[in-house]
Amino acid sequence: DSMNNKYQNTLILSSTKTKFFVALNPVIPLQTDRTYKAAVKSFSVYNSIRNVKRNVNDTFKYSADNGTTWKILTIYPGSYNVMDIINEIYRHASLTPTNTELHFEADVKTNTIILTLGAKYKVDFGVEHNMSKIFGFNQQVYSKGILRSPNKPTIIDFHNILIKTNLISGGYVSSINDFQLKQNNIIFSMPTFSVPIGSKIVETVMSPIWHNVILKPIDRIQIEIIDENGNAIDFGEEEISIVILIKQV
């Protein structure tokens, strides 16, 4: 390694999927008896992480006649804060705060949601694909009264963006329960909310963290963008761009 000319290369990868494969043709013929390392130089994508997901947590069910009839609303998948979701519920139900006895209020001092229901109103947070976790309520039916969410509202249930790849070894993720999944080959990590929703994440790494390359030759690179729980992150098919540096050491 110390006597030969050092190999260097750059891989510029992009996709609208958070799990994708790149087949290299021709392949990069790394020598098996040499040592190579790889690191992420830059990562960019619009911060459009979907916290309301189709057939996961997109359903709101309520009654205005004490449970005789129910209305089921389906919120379009997207990136929402609490007030955005409340406004979407009103819009889908053709309601306004002045013509209904169904009211939500975000209490920022206590990080809870206050749900106010009139005498004949009910909300069913136990329905399939419900939004109970987002609002911090238990999965049950709630009736009239001023009700404070017993749990903290969870707009986003993860805190880190991780890049996993078959190119390197390393990257231990302690929060993943499965032992095999803990060894996640994580080449890069960053906080979820480095920029507001709707802004573009442009992360340029000034001091790259180098990992041992285990793929020799490099013929088919796999990339996954996951959270610290091992789940794929949904960016709403916004284009993801990753620049990876490879060098011989």
Foldseek 3Di string as FASTA:
>chain_A
DVPDDKDKDKDKDKFLDQKDKDFDVVWAADDPPFWKKKAWQKKKWALKFWLQDPQAAFWWKKDQAQPPDIDIDGHDTTQDAPVRVVVSVCVRVVHDPVRAQWDWDQDPVVQKIKTAHDQRMKIAQQDGNHNCQQRQADRGMDHHDTDIRPGHHPSDPFWKKWKAKLFFWDQAQVQADDPVCRRGRTRDMDTSPPDDHRGMDMDGDPDTDIGITDDGGGGMMIIHIAGSHRHGTNNPSTMMIIMMMMMTD
